[in-house]
Structure formats: C-alpha cells, structure tokens
Amino acid sequence: MDLIYMGAGEGVVTALIIAAIVIAVFSSCIKVVPQATAFVIERLGGYQATWHVGVHLKLPLFDRVAKKVLLKEQVVDFPPQPVITKDNVTMQIDTVVYFQITDPKLYVYGVERPMMAIENLTATTLRNIIGDLELDETLTSRELINTRMRTFLDEATDPWGIKVNRVELKNIIPPAAIRDAMEKQMKAERERREAILIAEGEKTSSILVAEGKKESAILQAEAEKAAAILRAEARKEATIREAEGQAQAILAVQKANADGIRFLNEASPVESVIKLKSLEAFSKAADGQATKIIIPSEIQGIAGLAAGVMETVKGEQAK
C-alpha cells in the first residue's frame, strides 16, 4: 500500500510540473505589442514577420523577438562638429535631428548601429553644406542650411527605414577672435541705434515745441484780429448812432420851423405882424458881433413907426 501511494503521489507531482512547464511555455509564446511599437520576429534565425499593436502568438523554440522598434518621432542631439567655411573659418556647430522609423524591417537589417550612422552622415552633410558658404552666409542662413540638411539626410536614410522630419542647427560657435569682433560690431550697432533714437526724440520734441509756438502765435493773432474787429464795430456803431442823433435833431428843428410856418399860414397874419416879426429877427441879428448892419428899407419904415408909437405912449403917460 505504501508503494502504491508513493507511486500515485509522484505521478501527481510530475503532472503538475509538466502542466506548469506547458503553461509557462504557452504564456511565453503570447506577446502583446503596445501602441507606437513594432516587434521584428525571426524564425530559426531568419526574418519572419513584423508585429504591430495587438496580441500575437509565436512558435516556441522556433520564433523569437529580434528587435522591439519604437515608432514615435525621436530626437537626437549630436555634439558640436568642427566645420570649415568657404573663407577658411573654423567653427563648431551642433545639430538636432528629428526622425521617425517608418519600416522596422529595414531599420533592423538595413544598417548596423543606426544612430551612429545618422550622426556620421549628419556631420558629413554639414561639412559639405558649410564648405560652400562664407562666414556671414553661415550665420544668416540657418533656415537654408536646415532645409538642405533635411533633404539630404532624408534621402540617405530612406534605405534604412528612417524618415528625417526636421534638422535644426542648435548652436553656431565661431572662433573667439571672431566672436569678439562680432560683439564689438553689435555694441557699435546698438550705440548707433541709440544715438539715432535720441536724435529722433530730440527732433520730435523740437517739432512739437515749434508747433506749439506756431499754434500759440496763430491763436494770439486771431485774438488780436477779433479784438480789432470788435473795436471797429464799436466805433462804427457809435458813429452811426451819433449821425442818427444829429439827423434826428435836424429833423426836429426843421419840423419846428415847418410847424411855425404852417401856424402862421393858418393864422393869416396881417402885414404889421409880419413886419413886427421881421423886426424881432433884426433885433436878434443886432445882438451879434457884426460892426455894420444893413437895414432893409422895409424894416427902416417899421423902425420909424415904432419910434412914433413910443413917443405917443410917453405923451399920454405925461398927461
């Protein structure tokens, strides 16, 4: 009984071990490919397939994952590379390359150590481009250099399953002497611009002051003009009123004379009354400063008559 029990127990253990091994092997054959990743599968040492996102099953002992390839856009920053310009100036330029793997099979089997290959290709291409440019062109033509490098690198890396999206010149470091000269030139340019700004400010201020004085003079002249016009209008008004007053006075005198003549005409005066009035006028004329007075004959008769009348009156009073 003991032997039978021991044999049954060993069989169970063996079955469990075999089951565990089978489960382990089966689980190792199930592969889950995550997003933006690709697996390159080899079977017995040769390329079998490229797995993309999802669950996949490989044959145990025959299939293996040769390479896990990242399909996202990647950035690689290369150290500064010495380059020589067309005018024999040596400078250091470091570049940044943005690339993406488009064909995992070509990436795995196309070139050994792809990153080193891209770095060497970038350095070579950069030297060729900068060698055709002078220093000033190199410093002012970054966009042109970036575009030409991207075009060359994209064509060269296409057989490797790599697409170069962008190339950027991160930094251009000229020699120390040239940097000093450039700093002095930039300083002189800043000082020149500052002087121009100061001069323009002073010019603007002078113009504003002149405009202010001009406007003030115009306003003052307009005020004096308005005052002169008002004074002339006042004098004109006073003259008009004075003339109107004199005219009214003359009209009043003429009206009084006309009224007196009309009254006399209406009263039908006798000749003696007319002569008496003439005598009154003569007496008023005699009150003047004239030394000679010419008396008309008619008035002389009136004067004699008046003298006779006075004598008669005096005689009557004496009685």
Protein backbone atom coordinates (compact mmCIF):
# COMPACT_ATOMS: atom_id res chain seq x y z
CA MET A 1 0.00 0.00 0.00
CA ASP A 2 2.79 2.39 0.83
CA LEU A 3 4.47 1.74 -2.54
CA ILE A 4 1.19 2.25 -4.39
CA TYR A 5 0.54 5.54 -2.50
CA MET A 6 4.06 6.82 -3.15
CA GLY A 7 3.76 5.99 -6.85
CA ALA A 8 0.44 7.83 -7.11
CA GLY A 9 1.84 10.90 -5.32
CA GLU A 10 4.89 11.12 -7.57
CA GLY A 11 2.64 10.91 -10.62
CA VAL A 12 0.57 13.86 -9.44
CA VAL A 13 3.66 15.93 -8.78
CA THR A 14 5.07 15.11 -12.17
CA ALA A 15 1.80 16.04 -13.86
CA LEU A 16 1.73 19.34 -12.02
CA ILE A 17 5.32 20.09 -13.04
CA ILE A 18 4.57 19.25 -16.65
CA ALA A 19 1.42 21.40 -16.57
CA ALA A 20 3.38 24.32 -15.11
CA ILE A 21 6.02 23.97 -17.80
CA VAL A 22 3.35 23.87 -20.52
CA ILE A 23 1.65 26.95 -19.10
CA ALA A 24 4.96 28.79 -18.86
CA VAL A 25 5.91 27.90 -22.41
CA PHE A 26 2.46 28.84 -23.72
CA SER A 27 2.45 32.15 -21.87
CA SER A 28 5.90 32.94 -23.23
CA CYS A 29 4.56 32.42 -26.73
CA ILE A 30 1.84 35.06 -26.25
CA LYS A 31 3.11 38.55 -27.00
CA VAL A 32 1.23 41.83 -26.64
CA VAL A 33 2.58 44.68 -28.79
CA PRO A 34 1.88 48.13 -27.24
CA GLN A 35 0.88 51.29 -29.09
CA ALA A 36 3.52 53.02 -31.28
CA THR A 37 5.76 49.92 -31.14
CA ALA A 38 6.61 47.14 -33.58
CA PHE A 39 8.23 43.73 -32.98
CA VAL A 40 10.52 42.20 -35.58
CA ILE A 41 10.13 38.37 -35.42
CA GLU A 42 12.75 35.86 -36.58
CA ARG A 43 12.14 32.13 -37.14
CA LEU A 44 15.20 29.92 -36.97
CA GLY A 45 17.43 32.98 -37.47
CA GLY A 46 15.62 34.45 -40.49
CA TYR A 47 13.12 37.31 -40.75
CA GLN A 48 9.60 36.03 -40.25
CA ALA A 49 7.22 38.96 -39.70
CA THR A 50 6.68 42.41 -38.20
CA TRP A 51 4.11 42.52 -35.44
CA HIS A 52 2.18 45.73 -34.75
CA VAL A 53 -0.13 46.69 -31.89
CA GLY A 54 -2.23 43.79 -30.56
CA VAL A 55 -1.90 40.16 -29.27
CA HIS A 56 0.32 37.73 -31.21
CA LEU A 57 1.35 34.06 -30.77
CA LYS A 58 4.79 32.74 -31.72
CA LEU A 59 6.04 29.22 -32.08
CA PRO A 60 8.05 28.08 -29.08
CA LEU A 61 11.73 27.33 -29.67
CA PHE A 62 11.44 28.45 -33.32
CA ASP A 63 10.33 32.11 -33.18
CA ARG A 64 11.96 34.93 -31.26
CA VAL A 65 11.57 38.70 -30.97
CA ALA A 66 14.67 40.01 -32.74
CA LYS A 67 14.03 43.75 -32.11
CA LYS A 68 11.48 45.99 -30.47
CA VAL A 69 11.23 49.14 -32.57
CA LEU A 70 9.78 52.45 -31.32
CA LEU A 71 7.64 54.13 -33.99
CA LYS A 72 7.30 57.52 -32.28
CA GLU A 73 9.19 60.57 -33.53
CA GLN A 74 12.58 60.62 -31.84
CA VAL A 75 15.06 63.41 -31.19
CA VAL A 76 18.79 63.00 -31.15
CA ASP A 77 21.16 65.82 -30.19
CA PHE A 78 24.63 65.40 -31.64
CA PRO A 79 27.69 67.04 -30.08
CA PRO A 80 29.31 70.04 -31.87
CA GLN A 81 31.11 69.22 -35.08
CA PRO A 82 34.10 71.22 -36.41
CA VAL A 83 33.39 72.64 -39.86
CA ILE A 84 35.31 74.99 -42.16
CA THR A 85 33.59 77.73 -44.15
CA LYS A 86 34.41 78.78 -47.69
CA ASP A 87 36.56 81.65 -46.39
CA ASN A 88 38.58 79.22 -44.17
CA VAL A 89 36.97 79.99 -40.82
CA THR A 90 36.69 77.01 -38.45
CA MET A 91 33.64 76.91 -36.25
CA GLN A 92 31.73 74.45 -34.09
CA ILE A 93 28.13 73.55 -35.00
CA ASP A 94 25.89 71.18 -33.09
CA THR A 95 22.71 69.85 -34.67
CA VAL A 96 19.43 68.33 -33.57
CA VAL A 97 17.77 65.71 -35.78
CA TYR A 98 14.08 64.75 -35.55
CA PHE A 99 13.43 61.38 -37.17
CA GLN A 100 10.88 58.57 -37.22
CA ILE A 101 11.16 54.86 -38.08
CA THR A 102 8.78 54.01 -40.91
CA ASP A 103 9.95 50.47 -41.78
CA PRO A 104 11.02 48.33 -38.78
CA LYS A 105 12.46 45.58 -41.03
CA LEU A 106 14.78 47.97 -42.90
CA TYR A 107 15.72 49.65 -39.62
CA VAL A 108 16.78 46.32 -38.09
CA TYR A 109 18.55 44.83 -41.10
CA GLY A 110 19.47 47.92 -43.14
CA VAL A 111 22.40 49.34 -41.19
CA GLU A 112 24.49 48.46 -38.16
CA ARG A 113 24.10 50.92 -35.26
CA PRO A 114 21.67 53.33 -36.97
CA MET A 115 22.23 56.24 -34.52
CA MET A 116 25.97 56.28 -35.16
CA ALA A 117 25.30 56.08 -38.90
CA ILE A 118 22.93 59.09 -38.70
CA GLU A 119 25.47 61.06 -36.64
CA ASN A 120 28.28 60.46 -39.14
CA LEU A 121 26.00 61.22 -42.05
CA THR A 122 24.89 64.46 -40.38
CA ALA A 123 28.49 65.58 -39.79
CA THR A 124 29.47 64.81 -43.37
CA THR A 125 26.46 66.59 -44.85
CA LEU A 126 27.01 69.61 -42.60
CA ARG A 127 30.64 69.93 -43.67
CA ASN A 128 29.66 69.78 -47.34
CA ILE A 129 27.00 72.48 -46.98
CA ILE A 130 29.06 74.85 -44.81
CA GLY A 131 32.05 74.42 -47.10
CA ASP A 132 30.11 76.21 -49.85
CA LEU A 133 29.17 79.17 -47.63
CA GLU A 134 31.17 82.05 -46.19
CA LEU A 135 31.06 83.02 -42.53
CA ASP A 136 28.43 85.75 -42.90
CA GLU A 137 26.22 83.50 -45.00
CA THR A 138 26.54 80.72 -42.45
CA LEU A 139 25.44 83.00 -39.61
CA THR A 140 22.46 84.40 -41.54
CA SER A 141 21.28 81.33 -43.48
CA ARG A 142 20.18 78.89 -40.79
CA GLU A 143 16.85 78.18 -42.43
CA LEU A 144 18.53 77.39 -45.75
CA ILE A 145 21.05 75.08 -44.07
CA ASN A 146 18.29 73.30 -42.11
CA THR A 147 16.26 72.68 -45.27
CA ARG A 148 19.21 71.36 -47.30
CA MET A 149 20.36 69.07 -44.50
CA ARG A 150 16.89 67.62 -44.00
CA THR A 151 16.60 66.88 -47.72
CA PHE A 152 20.00 65.14 -47.90
CA LEU A 153 19.53 63.15 -44.69
CA ASP A 154 16.02 62.04 -45.61
CA GLU A 155 17.21 60.68 -48.94
CA ALA A 156 20.23 58.95 -47.40
CA THR A 157 18.31 57.31 -44.54
CA ASP A 158 15.37 56.13 -46.65
CA PRO A 159 17.01 52.68 -47.32
CA TRP A 160 17.32 52.28 -43.54
CA GLY A 161 13.57 52.68 -42.96
CA ILE A 162 14.10 56.10 -41.35
CA LYS A 163 12.36 59.36 -42.25
CA VAL A 164 14.08 62.59 -41.20
CA ASN A 165 11.38 65.16 -40.38
CA ARG A 166 13.47 68.17 -39.32
CA VAL A 167 17.05 69.24 -38.79
CA GLU A 168 17.90 72.24 -36.63
CA LEU A 169 21.23 73.98 -36.09
CA LYS A 170 21.18 74.24 -32.32
CA ASN A 171 24.25 76.42 -31.98
CA ILE A 172 26.93 78.00 -34.18
CA ILE A 173 30.15 78.78 -32.32
CA PRO A 174 32.68 80.84 -34.32
CA PRO A 175 36.31 81.33 -33.13
CA ALA A 176 36.96 83.56 -30.10
CA ALA A 177 38.52 86.37 -32.15
CA ILE A 178 35.53 86.48 -34.47
CA ARG A 179 33.14 86.39 -31.51
CA ASP A 180 34.94 89.40 -30.00
CA ALA A 181 34.75 91.27 -33.29
CA MET A 182 31.08 90.41 -33.63
CA GLU A 183 30.38 91.60 -30.08
CA LYS A 184 32.17 94.89 -30.79
CA GLN A 185 30.21 95.28 -34.01
CA MET A 186 26.96 94.56 -32.22
CA LYS A 187 27.87 97.04 -29.49
CA ALA A 188 28.64 99.71 -32.09
CA GLU A 189 25.36 98.96 -33.84
CA ARG A 190 23.44 99.26 -30.56
CA GLU A 191 25.14 102.58 -29.81
CA ARG A 192 24.34 103.81 -33.32
CA ARG A 193 20.70 102.85 -32.94
CA GLU A 194 20.60 104.52 -29.52
CA ALA A 195 22.05 107.73 -30.99
CA ILE A 196 19.50 107.62 -33.80
CA LEU A 197 16.67 107.15 -31.33
CA ILE A 198 17.92 110.04 -29.18
CA ALA A 199 18.25 112.29 -32.24
CA GLU A 200 14.78 111.34 -33.42
CA GLY A 201 13.42 112.05 -29.96
CA GLU A 202 15.05 115.48 -29.86
CA LYS A 203 13.80 116.20 -33.38
CA THR A 204 10.28 115.20 -32.42
CA SER A 205 10.47 117.35 -29.29
CA SER A 206 11.70 120.37 -31.30
CA ILE A 207 8.93 119.89 -33.81
CA LEU A 208 6.36 119.72 -31.05
CA VAL A 209 7.73 122.89 -29.41
CA ALA A 210 7.71 124.72 -32.75
CA GLU A 211 4.18 123.54 -33.45
CA GLY A 212 3.14 124.74 -30.00
CA LYS A 213 4.67 128.19 -30.57
CA LYS A 214 3.12 128.39 -34.01
CA GLU A 215 -0.29 127.45 -32.65
CA SER A 216 0.08 129.99 -29.84
CA ALA A 217 1.05 132.75 -32.29
CA ILE A 218 -1.89 131.87 -34.52
CA LEU A 219 -4.28 131.98 -31.58
CA GLN A 220 -2.85 135.31 -30.40
CA ALA A 221 -3.12 136.81 -33.89
CA GLU A 222 -6.68 135.58 -34.20
CA ALA A 223 -7.49 137.07 -30.78
CA GLU A 224 -5.98 140.45 -31.76
CA LYS A 225 -7.84 140.34 -35.06
CA ALA A 226 -11.11 139.62 -33.27
CA ALA A 227 -10.46 142.46 -30.80
CA ALA A 228 -9.67 144.92 -33.62
CA ILE A 229 -12.83 143.89 -35.43
CA LEU A 230 -14.85 144.40 -32.25
CA ARG A 231 -13.28 147.87 -31.70
CA ALA A 232 -14.00 148.86 -35.31
CA GLU A 233 -17.55 147.60 -34.97
CA ALA A 234 -17.93 149.65 -31.75
CA ARG A 235 -16.59 152.82 -33.43
CA LYS A 236 -18.82 152.23 -36.42
CA GLU A 237 -21.84 151.75 -34.16
CA ALA A 238 -21.02 154.94 -32.20
CA THR A 239 -20.58 156.97 -35.42
CA ILE A 240 -23.83 155.63 -36.77
CA ARG A 241 -25.65 156.48 -33.56
CA GLU A 242 -24.10 159.99 -33.47
CA ALA A 243 -25.09 160.61 -37.07
CA GLU A 244 -28.57 159.32 -36.37
CA GLY A 245 -28.80 161.71 -33.36
CA GLN A 246 -27.70 164.70 -35.45
CA ALA A 247 -30.10 163.75 -38.18
CA GLN A 248 -32.93 163.48 -35.67
CA ALA A 249 -32.01 166.93 -34.23
CA ILE A 250 -32.01 168.49 -37.70
CA LEU A 251 -35.30 166.85 -38.42
CA ALA A 252 -36.72 168.21 -35.17
CA VAL A 253 -35.56 171.76 -35.99
CA GLN A 254 -36.91 171.57 -39.49
CA LYS A 255 -40.14 170.18 -38.18
CA ALA A 256 -40.43 173.05 -35.67
CA ASN A 257 -39.80 175.62 -38.41
CA ALA A 258 -42.29 173.93 -40.63
CA ASP A 259 -44.84 173.88 -37.80
CA GLY A 260 -44.28 177.62 -37.17
CA ILE A 261 -44.68 178.49 -40.82
CA ARG A 262 -47.80 176.36 -41.05
CA PHE A 263 -49.19 178.02 -37.94
CA LEU A 264 -48.58 181.45 -39.38
CA ASN A 265 -50.19 180.47 -42.62
CA GLU A 266 -53.17 179.11 -40.82
CA ALA A 267 -53.45 182.26 -38.68
CA SER A 268 -53.39 184.60 -41.78
CA PRO A 269 -51.21 187.32 -40.16
CA VAL A 270 -51.59 190.94 -41.24
CA GLU A 271 -48.72 192.80 -42.75
CA SER A 272 -47.96 194.61 -39.50
CA VAL A 273 -47.46 191.29 -37.69
CA ILE A 274 -45.10 190.11 -40.39
CA LYS A 275 -43.15 193.33 -40.17
CA LEU A 276 -43.04 193.00 -36.38
CA LYS A 277 -41.60 189.52 -36.68
CA SER A 278 -39.04 190.87 -39.09
CA LEU A 279 -38.14 193.49 -36.54
CA GLU A 280 -37.62 190.76 -33.92
CA ALA A 281 -35.35 188.96 -36.31
CA PHE A 282 -33.46 192.18 -36.89
CA SER A 283 -33.03 192.72 -33.16
CA LYS A 284 -31.57 189.25 -32.81
CA ALA A 285 -29.21 189.97 -35.66
CA ALA A 286 -28.14 193.22 -33.94
CA ASP A 287 -27.16 191.24 -30.84
CA GLY A 288 -24.30 189.66 -32.82
CA GLN A 289 -20.67 190.86 -33.05
CA ALA A 290 -21.01 192.49 -36.51
CA THR A 291 -19.92 196.19 -36.66
CA LYS A 292 -22.07 197.02 -39.66
CA ILE A 293 -25.70 196.16 -40.15
CA ILE A 294 -27.51 196.83 -43.39
CA ILE A 295 -31.19 197.53 -42.70
CA PRO A 296 -33.65 196.94 -45.48
CA SER A 297 -35.97 199.83 -46.38
CA GLU A 298 -39.00 197.97 -45.21
CA ILE A 299 -37.51 197.49 -41.76
CA GLN A 300 -36.50 201.20 -41.62
CA GLY A 301 -40.16 202.18 -42.04
CA ILE A 302 -41.13 199.80 -39.34
CA ALA A 303 -38.50 201.28 -37.05
CA GLY A 304 -39.87 204.83 -37.62
CA LEU A 305 -43.35 203.64 -36.93
CA ALA A 306 -42.20 202.04 -33.76
CA ALA A 307 -40.47 205.24 -32.65
CA GLY A 308 -43.66 207.25 -33.28
CA VAL A 309 -45.70 204.84 -31.33
CA MET A 310 -43.26 205.10 -28.39
CA GLU A 311 -43.47 208.93 -28.39
CA THR A 312 -47.25 208.81 -28.37
CA VAL A 313 -47.24 206.46 -25.46
CA LYS A 314 -44.82 208.63 -23.49
CA GLY A 315 -47.03 211.77 -24.13
CA GLU A 316 -50.10 210.06 -22.85
CA GLN A 317 -48.31 208.99 -19.74
CA ALA A 318 -47.08 212.57 -19.07
CA LYS A 319 -50.66 213.92 -19.11
